[in-house]
C-alpha cells in the first residue's frame, strides 16, 4: 500500500460518511414529506455540501503525488473531513416532528454549515497553494470557478434573507458543472 492509498483510505472513509449523512438526511426528509415541508433552501444546501465534498475528494486525488505521509497531513485531513461530516449532519434535523417546515431549521443552521464548508475550502486552497504554488491562480477559469466561491459563500453566511442565501447557493452549485465543462 502506498502512502497515498493509506492517507486516502482514511480521508475517503470520512468523506464517504459525510456524503452518507447528507443523503441519509435527505432520504429521511423525503420519507417525512407528508408531515414536514422541505423547502428550496434546505435542498440547495444539501446539494451544495454534497458537491463540495465530492470536489474535495477530487482535489485529494489531484494532489496524491504531493501529499507526504506525515502526522500533519493525517491530522489536518482528519480535521477537515470531520468538519465536512459535521456540516453534512447539520443540514437536516434529527427529529422532523419538531419542525413542520425545514425552512425554519435552515434559518438556524445554514451559517454553521456554510462556515464549516468555508473553513474546509480555505484549508484546501492553502494546502493547494503550498504544494503547487500560485501559478495559474489568476486565469479566467480560476477567477470565476475558484475565487468567486469565497465572496459568495461569505455573503451567504452574512445575509439573513433566505432568498439571497438561496441565490448564493445556486451560484455556488453552478460553479461545479461550470468548472467541469470549462477547459
N, C-alpha and C. Protein backbone atom coordinates (compact mmCIF):
# COMPACT_ATOMS: atom_id res chain seq x y z
N UNK A 1 0.86 -1.17 0.00
CA UNK A 1 0.00 0.00 0.00
C UNK A 1 0.90 1.23 0.00
N UNK A 2 0.62 2.15 -0.92
CA UNK A 2 1.40 3.38 -0.98
C UNK A 2 0.96 4.33 0.13
N UNK A 3 1.77 5.37 0.35
CA UNK A 3 1.43 6.37 1.36
C UNK A 3 0.11 7.03 1.02
N UNK A 4 -0.09 7.36 -0.27
CA UNK A 4 -1.34 7.99 -0.67
C UNK A 4 -2.53 7.06 -0.41
N UNK A 5 -2.40 5.79 -0.74
CA UNK A 5 -3.50 4.86 -0.51
C UNK A 5 -3.85 4.79 0.98
N UNK A 6 -2.84 4.82 1.82
CA UNK A 6 -3.07 4.81 3.26
C UNK A 6 -3.79 6.09 3.70
N UNK A 7 -3.29 7.23 3.25
CA UNK A 7 -3.90 8.52 3.62
C UNK A 7 -5.34 8.59 3.09
N UNK A 8 -5.50 8.25 1.82
CA UNK A 8 -6.79 8.44 1.18
C UNK A 8 -7.83 7.44 1.67
N UNK A 9 -7.41 6.29 2.13
CA UNK A 9 -8.40 5.36 2.68
C UNK A 9 -9.06 5.96 3.92
N UNK A 10 -8.27 6.67 4.70
CA UNK A 10 -8.78 7.33 5.89
C UNK A 10 -9.68 8.51 5.52
N UNK A 11 -9.18 9.39 4.63
CA UNK A 11 -9.98 10.55 4.21
C UNK A 11 -11.24 10.10 3.48
N UNK A 12 -11.09 9.12 2.61
CA UNK A 12 -12.23 8.63 1.83
C UNK A 12 -13.32 8.08 2.72
N UNK A 13 -12.94 7.41 3.79
CA UNK A 13 -13.92 6.87 4.73
C UNK A 13 -14.74 8.01 5.35
N UNK A 14 -14.04 9.03 5.84
CA UNK A 14 -14.75 10.14 6.48
C UNK A 14 -15.57 10.96 5.48
N UNK A 15 -15.03 11.15 4.28
CA UNK A 15 -15.80 11.88 3.26
C UNK A 15 -17.02 11.08 2.83
N UNK A 16 -16.86 9.77 2.72
CA UNK A 16 -18.00 8.91 2.39
C UNK A 16 -19.07 8.97 3.47
N UNK A 17 -18.64 9.00 4.72
CA UNK A 17 -19.61 9.13 5.82
C UNK A 17 -20.32 10.48 5.77
N UNK A 18 -19.60 11.54 5.38
CA UNK A 18 -20.23 12.86 5.25
C UNK A 18 -21.30 12.82 4.16
N UNK A 19 -20.98 12.21 3.02
CA UNK A 19 -21.97 12.09 1.96
C UNK A 19 -23.16 11.25 2.42
N UNK A 20 -22.88 10.16 3.11
CA UNK A 20 -23.96 9.29 3.60
C UNK A 20 -24.84 10.03 4.60
N UNK A 21 -24.24 10.87 5.43
CA UNK A 21 -25.01 11.63 6.41
C UNK A 21 -25.96 12.60 5.70
N UNK A 22 -25.45 13.32 4.71
CA UNK A 22 -26.30 14.24 3.96
C UNK A 22 -27.38 13.53 3.18
N UNK A 23 -27.03 12.45 2.50
CA UNK A 23 -28.01 11.69 1.73
C UNK A 23 -29.02 10.99 2.64
N UNK A 24 -28.55 10.53 3.80
CA UNK A 24 -29.46 9.92 4.77
C UNK A 24 -30.48 10.93 5.28
N UNK A 25 -30.02 12.15 5.54
CA UNK A 25 -30.94 13.21 5.97
C UNK A 25 -31.96 13.52 4.90
N UNK A 26 -31.50 13.57 3.65
CA UNK A 26 -32.42 13.82 2.54
C UNK A 26 -33.46 12.71 2.43
N UNK A 27 -33.01 11.47 2.52
CA UNK A 27 -33.97 10.36 2.39
C UNK A 27 -34.96 10.36 3.56
N UNK A 28 -34.51 10.68 4.76
CA UNK A 28 -35.44 10.77 5.91
C UNK A 28 -36.43 11.92 5.71
N UNK A 29 -35.94 13.04 5.14
CA UNK A 29 -36.83 14.18 4.88
C UNK A 29 -37.87 13.81 3.83
N UNK A 30 -37.46 13.12 2.79
CA UNK A 30 -38.41 12.72 1.76
C UNK A 30 -39.45 11.75 2.32
N UNK A 31 -39.02 10.85 3.19
CA UNK A 31 -39.96 9.92 3.82
C UNK A 31 -40.95 10.65 4.73
N UNK A 32 -40.49 11.76 5.31
CA UNK A 32 -41.35 12.52 6.23
C UNK A 32 -42.05 13.68 5.53
N UNK A 33 -41.99 13.72 4.20
CA UNK A 33 -42.53 14.88 3.47
C UNK A 33 -44.04 15.04 3.65
N UNK A 34 -44.72 14.03 4.11
CA UNK A 34 -46.15 14.16 4.39
C UNK A 34 -46.41 14.99 5.65
N UNK A 35 -45.38 15.15 6.49
CA UNK A 35 -45.58 15.94 7.71
C UNK A 35 -44.61 17.11 7.86
N UNK A 36 -43.64 17.24 6.94
CA UNK A 36 -42.70 18.35 7.01
C UNK A 36 -42.44 18.87 5.59
N UNK A 37 -42.40 20.20 5.47
CA UNK A 37 -42.11 20.82 4.19
C UNK A 37 -40.59 21.01 4.10
N UNK A 38 -39.98 20.48 3.03
CA UNK A 38 -38.52 20.52 2.91
C UNK A 38 -38.05 21.92 2.54
N UNK A 39 -38.55 22.52 1.51
CA UNK A 39 -38.16 23.87 1.12
C UNK A 39 -36.93 23.89 0.22
N UNK A 40 -36.88 24.89 -0.64
CA UNK A 40 -35.78 25.01 -1.60
C UNK A 40 -34.44 25.28 -0.92
N UNK A 41 -34.45 26.09 0.10
CA UNK A 41 -33.18 26.46 0.75
C UNK A 41 -32.46 25.23 1.30
N UNK A 42 -33.20 24.38 1.96
CA UNK A 42 -32.61 23.16 2.52
C UNK A 42 -32.11 22.25 1.42
N UNK A 43 -32.89 22.10 0.36
CA UNK A 43 -32.47 21.26 -0.76
C UNK A 43 -31.20 21.80 -1.41
N UNK A 44 -31.14 23.12 -1.62
CA UNK A 44 -29.93 23.72 -2.21
C UNK A 44 -28.72 23.54 -1.31
N UNK A 45 -28.92 23.67 0.00
CA UNK A 45 -27.81 23.50 0.93
C UNK A 45 -27.28 22.07 0.87
N UNK A 46 -28.18 21.10 0.81
CA UNK A 46 -27.76 19.70 0.72
C UNK A 46 -27.01 19.41 -0.57
N UNK A 47 -27.49 19.94 -1.69
CA UNK A 47 -26.81 19.75 -2.96
C UNK A 47 -25.43 20.39 -2.93
N UNK A 48 -25.36 21.61 -2.40
CA UNK A 48 -24.09 22.32 -2.34
C UNK A 48 -23.05 21.56 -1.52
N UNK A 49 -23.42 21.14 -0.33
CA UNK A 49 -22.46 20.44 0.54
C UNK A 49 -22.01 19.13 -0.12
N UNK A 50 -22.93 18.41 -0.72
CA UNK A 50 -22.57 17.16 -1.41
C UNK A 50 -21.58 17.43 -2.54
N UNK A 51 -21.85 18.44 -3.35
CA UNK A 51 -20.93 18.78 -4.45
C UNK A 51 -19.56 19.17 -3.91
N UNK A 52 -19.54 19.91 -2.81
CA UNK A 52 -18.26 20.36 -2.28
C UNK A 52 -17.46 19.19 -1.70
N UNK A 53 -18.13 18.25 -1.06
CA UNK A 53 -17.43 17.06 -0.55
C UNK A 53 -16.81 16.28 -1.71
N UNK A 54 -17.56 16.10 -2.78
CA UNK A 54 -17.04 15.38 -3.95
C UNK A 54 -15.83 16.12 -4.54
N UNK A 55 -15.92 17.44 -4.60
CA UNK A 55 -14.81 18.24 -5.12
C UNK A 55 -13.57 18.10 -4.23
N UNK A 56 -13.77 18.09 -2.92
CA UNK A 56 -12.64 17.89 -2.01
C UNK A 56 -11.98 16.54 -2.28
N UNK A 57 -12.79 15.53 -2.51
CA UNK A 57 -12.31 14.19 -2.81
C UNK A 57 -11.47 14.22 -4.10
N UNK A 58 -11.96 14.98 -5.09
CA UNK A 58 -11.24 15.09 -6.37
C UNK A 58 -9.91 15.82 -6.18
N UNK A 59 -9.88 16.86 -5.37
CA UNK A 59 -8.63 17.56 -5.09
C UNK A 59 -7.64 16.62 -4.41
N UNK A 60 -8.14 15.79 -3.52
CA UNK A 60 -7.26 14.81 -2.87
C UNK A 60 -6.58 13.93 -3.89
N UNK A 61 -7.34 13.49 -4.88
CA UNK A 61 -6.76 12.66 -5.94
C UNK A 61 -5.74 13.45 -6.75
N UNK A 62 -6.07 14.68 -7.08
CA UNK A 62 -5.17 15.51 -7.88
C UNK A 62 -3.86 15.79 -7.16
N UNK A 63 -3.90 15.84 -5.84
CA UNK A 63 -2.70 16.16 -5.06
C UNK A 63 -1.99 14.90 -4.54
N UNK A 64 -2.43 13.74 -4.99
CA UNK A 64 -1.97 12.46 -4.43
C UNK A 64 -0.46 12.29 -4.43
N UNK A 65 0.22 12.73 -5.47
CA UNK A 65 1.67 12.53 -5.54
C UNK A 65 2.44 13.53 -4.70
N UNK A 66 1.76 14.55 -4.20
CA UNK A 66 2.44 15.60 -3.44
C UNK A 66 2.20 15.51 -1.93
N UNK A 67 1.24 14.69 -1.52
CA UNK A 67 0.91 14.59 -0.09
C UNK A 67 1.84 13.60 0.61
N UNK A 68 2.67 14.08 1.51
CA UNK A 68 3.54 13.16 2.24
C UNK A 68 2.77 12.45 3.36
N UNK A 69 3.19 11.27 3.70
CA UNK A 69 2.60 10.57 4.83
C UNK A 69 3.24 11.14 6.08
N UNK A 70 2.49 11.97 6.78
CA UNK A 70 3.00 12.62 7.99
C UNK A 70 1.85 12.85 8.96
N UNK A 71 2.22 13.10 10.19
CA UNK A 71 1.22 13.39 11.21
C UNK A 71 0.42 14.64 10.83
N UNK A 72 1.09 15.67 10.32
CA UNK A 72 0.39 16.91 9.96
C UNK A 72 -0.64 16.66 8.86
N UNK A 73 -0.30 15.89 7.85
CA UNK A 73 -1.24 15.61 6.77
C UNK A 73 -2.41 14.77 7.29
N UNK A 74 -2.13 13.74 8.08
CA UNK A 74 -3.22 12.91 8.60
C UNK A 74 -4.13 13.69 9.54
N UNK A 75 -3.54 14.45 10.45
CA UNK A 75 -4.36 15.19 11.41
C UNK A 75 -5.12 16.31 10.72
N UNK A 76 -4.44 17.05 9.84
CA UNK A 76 -5.11 18.11 9.10
C UNK A 76 -6.25 17.56 8.26
N UNK A 77 -6.00 16.45 7.57
CA UNK A 77 -7.04 15.81 6.78
C UNK A 77 -8.20 15.33 7.64
N UNK A 78 -7.87 14.81 8.82
CA UNK A 78 -8.92 14.38 9.75
C UNK A 78 -9.79 15.57 10.17
N UNK A 79 -9.16 16.68 10.51
CA UNK A 79 -9.92 17.86 10.95
C UNK A 79 -10.85 18.33 9.85
N UNK A 80 -10.33 18.44 8.62
CA UNK A 80 -11.16 18.92 7.51
C UNK A 80 -12.29 17.96 7.21
N UNK A 81 -12.00 16.67 7.12
CA UNK A 81 -13.06 15.71 6.80
C UNK A 81 -14.07 15.60 7.95
N UNK A 82 -13.63 15.77 9.18
CA UNK A 82 -14.56 15.77 10.32
C UNK A 82 -15.48 16.98 10.25
N UNK A 83 -14.93 18.12 9.85
CA UNK A 83 -15.76 19.33 9.70
C UNK A 83 -16.81 19.10 8.62
N UNK A 84 -16.42 18.48 7.50
CA UNK A 84 -17.39 18.17 6.46
C UNK A 84 -18.49 17.26 7.01
N UNK A 85 -18.12 16.26 7.78
CA UNK A 85 -19.11 15.34 8.34
C UNK A 85 -20.11 16.10 9.22
N UNK A 86 -19.59 16.94 10.10
CA UNK A 86 -20.47 17.70 10.99
C UNK A 86 -21.37 18.63 10.17
N UNK A 87 -20.80 19.30 9.18
CA UNK A 87 -21.60 20.19 8.32
C UNK A 87 -22.73 19.41 7.66
N UNK A 88 -22.42 18.26 7.11
CA UNK A 88 -23.45 17.45 6.44
C UNK A 88 -24.52 17.00 7.43
N UNK A 89 -24.11 16.72 8.67
CA UNK A 89 -25.08 16.25 9.66
C UNK A 89 -26.02 17.35 10.12
N UNK A 90 -25.64 18.62 9.90
CA UNK A 90 -26.49 19.74 10.34
C UNK A 90 -27.50 20.17 9.28
N UNK A 91 -27.44 19.63 8.09
CA UNK A 91 -28.34 20.08 7.01
C UNK A 91 -29.79 19.72 7.32
N UNK A 92 -30.02 18.53 7.83
CA UNK A 92 -31.37 18.07 8.16
C UNK A 92 -31.46 17.79 9.64
N UNK A 93 -32.61 18.05 10.26
CA UNK A 93 -32.76 17.77 11.70
C UNK A 93 -32.84 16.27 11.98
N UNK A 94 -32.52 15.92 13.19
CA UNK A 94 -32.64 14.52 13.60
C UNK A 94 -34.10 14.13 13.80
N UNK A 95 -34.90 15.07 14.28
CA UNK A 95 -36.31 14.79 14.57
C UNK A 95 -37.20 15.73 13.75
N UNK A 96 -37.80 15.19 12.72
CA UNK A 96 -38.64 16.01 11.84
C UNK A 96 -39.94 16.43 12.52
N UNK A 97 -40.35 15.73 13.59
CA UNK A 97 -41.57 16.09 14.28
C UNK A 97 -41.46 17.46 14.96
N UNK A 98 -40.23 17.87 15.29
CA UNK A 98 -40.02 19.18 15.92
C UNK A 98 -40.18 20.32 14.93
N UNK A 99 -40.06 20.02 13.65
CA UNK A 99 -40.04 21.07 12.62
C UNK A 99 -41.12 20.79 11.59
N UNK A 100 -42.11 21.65 11.50
CA UNK A 100 -43.13 21.49 10.48
C UNK A 100 -42.67 22.01 9.13
N UNK A 101 -41.65 22.84 9.18
CA UNK A 101 -41.14 23.48 7.98
C UNK A 101 -39.62 23.53 8.11
N UNK A 102 -38.93 22.88 7.18
CA UNK A 102 -37.46 22.85 7.28
C UNK A 102 -36.81 24.19 6.99
N UNK A 103 -37.58 25.15 6.45
CA UNK A 103 -37.02 26.49 6.27
C UNK A 103 -36.65 27.10 7.62
N UNK A 104 -37.45 26.85 8.64
CA UNK A 104 -37.12 27.36 9.99
C UNK A 104 -35.84 26.70 10.50
N UNK A 105 -35.70 25.40 10.27
CA UNK A 105 -34.48 24.70 10.66
C UNK A 105 -33.29 25.24 9.87
N UNK A 106 -33.48 25.43 8.58
CA UNK A 106 -32.44 26.00 7.73
C UNK A 106 -31.95 27.33 8.30
N UNK A 107 -32.89 28.21 8.67
CA UNK A 107 -32.52 29.53 9.20
C UNK A 107 -31.64 29.43 10.44
N UNK A 108 -31.81 28.38 11.22
CA UNK A 108 -31.00 28.19 12.43
C UNK A 108 -29.63 27.58 12.15
N UNK A 109 -29.49 26.84 11.04
CA UNK A 109 -28.28 26.04 10.83
C UNK A 109 -27.38 26.48 9.67
N UNK A 110 -27.91 27.20 8.68
CA UNK A 110 -27.14 27.39 7.45
C UNK A 110 -25.82 28.11 7.67
N UNK A 111 -25.75 29.03 8.62
CA UNK A 111 -24.48 29.73 8.86
C UNK A 111 -23.41 28.76 9.37
N UNK A 112 -23.80 27.85 10.24
CA UNK A 112 -22.84 26.86 10.74
C UNK A 112 -22.35 25.97 9.60
N UNK A 113 -23.29 25.51 8.78
CA UNK A 113 -22.93 24.62 7.66
C UNK A 113 -22.02 25.34 6.68
N UNK A 114 -22.42 26.53 6.26
CA UNK A 114 -21.62 27.27 5.28
C UNK A 114 -20.28 27.71 5.87
N UNK A 115 -20.26 28.07 7.13
CA UNK A 115 -18.99 28.43 7.79
C UNK A 115 -18.03 27.25 7.82
N UNK A 116 -18.57 26.07 8.09
CA UNK A 116 -17.74 24.87 8.10
C UNK A 116 -17.17 24.57 6.71
N UNK A 117 -18.02 24.68 5.69
CA UNK A 117 -17.56 24.44 4.32
C UNK A 117 -16.54 25.50 3.91
N UNK A 118 -16.75 26.73 4.32
CA UNK A 118 -15.77 27.79 4.04
C UNK A 118 -14.42 27.46 4.67
N UNK A 119 -14.42 27.04 5.92
CA UNK A 119 -13.15 26.65 6.58
C UNK A 119 -12.45 25.52 5.83
N UNK A 120 -13.20 24.54 5.39
CA UNK A 120 -12.62 23.42 4.65
C UNK A 120 -11.99 23.90 3.34
N UNK A 121 -12.66 24.83 2.67
CA UNK A 121 -12.14 25.32 1.40
C UNK A 121 -10.94 26.25 1.60
N UNK A 122 -10.90 26.98 2.68
CA UNK A 122 -9.71 27.78 2.98
C UNK A 122 -8.53 26.84 3.22
N UNK A 123 -8.74 25.78 3.98
CA UNK A 123 -7.67 24.79 4.22
C UNK A 123 -7.23 24.14 2.91
N UNK A 124 -8.19 23.81 2.06
CA UNK A 124 -7.86 23.19 0.77
C UNK A 124 -7.05 24.13 -0.10
N UNK A 125 -7.46 25.40 -0.19
CA UNK A 125 -6.72 26.36 -1.01
C UNK A 125 -5.33 26.60 -0.45
N UNK A 126 -5.21 26.71 0.85
CA UNK A 126 -3.89 26.91 1.46
C UNK A 126 -2.98 25.72 1.17
N UNK A 127 -3.52 24.52 1.28
CA UNK A 127 -2.74 23.31 1.00
C UNK A 127 -2.35 23.25 -0.47
N UNK A 128 -3.29 23.54 -1.34
CA UNK A 128 -3.02 23.51 -2.78
C UNK A 128 -1.94 24.52 -3.15
N UNK A 129 -2.03 25.72 -2.63
CA UNK A 129 -1.02 26.74 -2.91
C UNK A 129 0.32 26.33 -2.33
N UNK A 130 0.32 25.76 -1.12
CA UNK A 130 1.58 25.32 -0.51
C UNK A 130 2.25 24.22 -1.33
N UNK A 131 1.45 23.33 -1.92
CA UNK A 131 2.01 22.20 -2.67
C UNK A 131 2.30 22.54 -4.13
N UNK A 132 1.48 23.39 -4.75
CA UNK A 132 1.61 23.66 -6.18
C UNK A 132 2.08 25.07 -6.51
N UNK A 133 2.07 25.97 -5.54
CA UNK A 133 2.43 27.35 -5.82
C UNK A 133 1.23 28.13 -6.34
N UNK A 134 1.49 29.32 -6.83
CA UNK A 134 0.42 30.21 -7.25
C UNK A 134 0.26 30.32 -8.76
N UNK A 135 1.03 29.56 -9.50
CA UNK A 135 0.95 29.62 -10.96
C UNK A 135 -0.46 29.27 -11.44
N UNK A 136 -1.02 30.12 -12.28
CA UNK A 136 -2.33 29.87 -12.87
C UNK A 136 -3.51 30.29 -12.03
N UNK A 137 -3.27 30.89 -10.87
CA UNK A 137 -4.38 31.24 -9.99
C UNK A 137 -5.17 32.47 -10.45
N UNK A 138 -4.68 33.14 -11.49
CA UNK A 138 -5.40 34.32 -11.99
C UNK A 138 -5.95 34.10 -13.40
N UNK A 139 -6.04 32.85 -13.83
CA UNK A 139 -6.65 32.57 -15.13
C UNK A 139 -8.15 32.85 -15.03
N UNK A 140 -8.80 33.15 -16.16
CA UNK A 140 -10.24 33.43 -16.10
C UNK A 140 -11.05 32.30 -15.44
N UNK A 141 -10.75 31.06 -15.77
CA UNK A 141 -11.49 29.94 -15.18
C UNK A 141 -11.31 29.90 -13.67
N UNK A 142 -10.10 30.06 -13.20
CA UNK A 142 -9.84 30.01 -11.75
C UNK A 142 -10.47 31.21 -11.05
N UNK A 143 -10.41 32.37 -11.69
CA UNK A 143 -11.04 33.55 -11.10
C UNK A 143 -12.54 33.34 -10.90
N UNK A 144 -13.20 32.77 -11.90
CA UNK A 144 -14.65 32.57 -11.80
C UNK A 144 -14.98 31.36 -10.94
N UNK A 145 -14.38 30.22 -11.24
CA UNK A 145 -14.79 28.97 -10.60
C UNK A 145 -14.22 28.77 -9.20
N UNK A 146 -13.09 29.38 -8.91
CA UNK A 146 -12.49 29.19 -7.59
C UNK A 146 -12.62 30.45 -6.73
N UNK A 147 -12.14 31.56 -7.25
CA UNK A 147 -12.09 32.76 -6.42
C UNK A 147 -13.45 33.38 -6.17
N UNK A 148 -14.44 33.19 -7.06
CA UNK A 148 -15.77 33.74 -6.77
C UNK A 148 -16.45 32.97 -5.64
N UNK A 149 -15.99 31.77 -5.39
CA UNK A 149 -16.55 30.93 -4.32
C UNK A 149 -16.50 31.66 -2.97
N UNK A 150 -15.36 32.24 -2.66
CA UNK A 150 -15.14 32.78 -1.32
C UNK A 150 -16.02 33.99 -1.00
N UNK A 151 -16.10 35.02 -1.85
CA UNK A 151 -17.01 36.13 -1.50
C UNK A 151 -18.49 35.72 -1.52
N UNK A 152 -18.86 34.80 -2.40
CA UNK A 152 -20.26 34.40 -2.48
C UNK A 152 -20.66 33.60 -1.24
N UNK A 153 -19.82 32.68 -0.80
CA UNK A 153 -20.18 31.92 0.41
C UNK A 153 -20.16 32.83 1.64
N UNK A 154 -19.23 33.79 1.67
CA UNK A 154 -19.20 34.73 2.78
C UNK A 154 -20.46 35.59 2.80
N UNK A 155 -20.90 36.04 1.63
CA UNK A 155 -22.15 36.79 1.53
C UNK A 155 -23.32 35.94 2.05
N UNK A 156 -23.36 34.68 1.65
CA UNK A 156 -24.44 33.79 2.10
C UNK A 156 -24.43 33.62 3.61
N UNK A 157 -23.26 33.61 4.21
CA UNK A 157 -23.17 33.48 5.67
C UNK A 157 -23.66 34.75 6.36
N UNK A 158 -23.37 35.90 5.76
CA UNK A 158 -23.65 37.17 6.42
C UNK A 158 -25.10 37.65 6.26
N UNK A 159 -25.76 37.30 5.16
CA UNK A 159 -27.12 37.82 4.95
C UNK A 159 -28.14 36.97 5.70
N UNK A 160 -29.28 37.57 5.96
CA UNK A 160 -30.34 36.86 6.67
C UNK A 160 -31.53 36.55 5.76
N UNK A 161 -31.55 37.12 4.59
CA UNK A 161 -32.65 36.91 3.65
C UNK A 161 -32.47 35.54 2.98
N UNK A 162 -33.41 34.64 3.23
CA UNK A 162 -33.32 33.27 2.72
C UNK A 162 -33.25 33.25 1.19
N UNK A 163 -33.92 34.18 0.52
CA UNK A 163 -33.86 34.23 -0.94
C UNK A 163 -32.45 34.58 -1.42
N UNK A 164 -31.80 35.49 -0.72
CA UNK A 164 -30.42 35.86 -1.07
C UNK A 164 -29.48 34.69 -0.82
N UNK A 165 -29.67 34.00 0.29
CA UNK A 165 -28.86 32.82 0.58
C UNK A 165 -29.10 31.77 -0.50
N UNK A 166 -30.35 31.58 -0.89
CA UNK A 166 -30.67 30.63 -1.96
C UNK A 166 -30.00 31.00 -3.27
N UNK A 167 -29.98 32.29 -3.59
CA UNK A 167 -29.31 32.74 -4.82
C UNK A 167 -27.81 32.47 -4.74
N UNK A 168 -27.21 32.71 -3.59
CA UNK A 168 -25.78 32.42 -3.40
C UNK A 168 -25.53 30.92 -3.54
N UNK A 169 -26.38 30.10 -2.94
CA UNK A 169 -26.23 28.65 -3.06
C UNK A 169 -26.38 28.20 -4.51
N UNK A 170 -27.32 28.80 -5.23
CA UNK A 170 -27.50 28.44 -6.64
C UNK A 170 -26.23 28.76 -7.43
N UNK A 171 -25.62 29.93 -7.17
CA UNK A 171 -24.36 30.28 -7.85
C UNK A 171 -23.26 29.29 -7.48
N UNK A 172 -23.15 28.99 -6.20
CA UNK A 172 -22.10 28.07 -5.75
C UNK A 172 -22.28 26.69 -6.37
N UNK A 173 -23.50 26.23 -6.49
CA UNK A 173 -23.77 24.93 -7.12
C UNK A 173 -23.42 24.99 -8.61
N UNK A 174 -23.76 26.08 -9.25
CA UNK A 174 -23.46 26.25 -10.68
C UNK A 174 -21.96 26.19 -10.96
N UNK A 175 -21.13 26.58 -10.00
CA UNK A 175 -19.68 26.56 -10.20
C UNK A 175 -19.14 25.15 -10.47
N UNK A 176 -19.77 24.12 -9.92
CA UNK A 176 -19.26 22.75 -10.09
C UNK A 176 -19.39 22.26 -11.53
N UNK A 177 -20.57 22.30 -12.15
CA UNK A 177 -20.63 21.89 -13.55
C UNK A 177 -19.89 22.85 -14.48
N UNK A 178 -19.88 24.14 -14.13
CA UNK A 178 -19.15 25.11 -14.95
C UNK A 178 -17.66 24.76 -14.97
N UNK A 179 -17.12 24.43 -13.82
CA UNK A 179 -15.71 24.05 -13.72
C UNK A 179 -15.43 22.78 -14.54
N UNK A 180 -16.40 21.87 -14.58
CA UNK A 180 -16.21 20.61 -15.29
C UNK A 180 -16.19 20.79 -16.80
N UNK A 181 -16.96 21.76 -17.32
CA UNK A 181 -17.04 21.92 -18.77
C UNK A 181 -16.12 23.01 -19.32
N UNK A 182 -15.63 23.88 -18.45
CA UNK A 182 -14.76 24.98 -18.89
C UNK A 182 -13.32 24.48 -18.98
N UNK A 183 -12.81 24.44 -20.19
CA UNK A 183 -11.43 23.94 -20.38
C UNK A 183 -10.50 25.02 -20.80
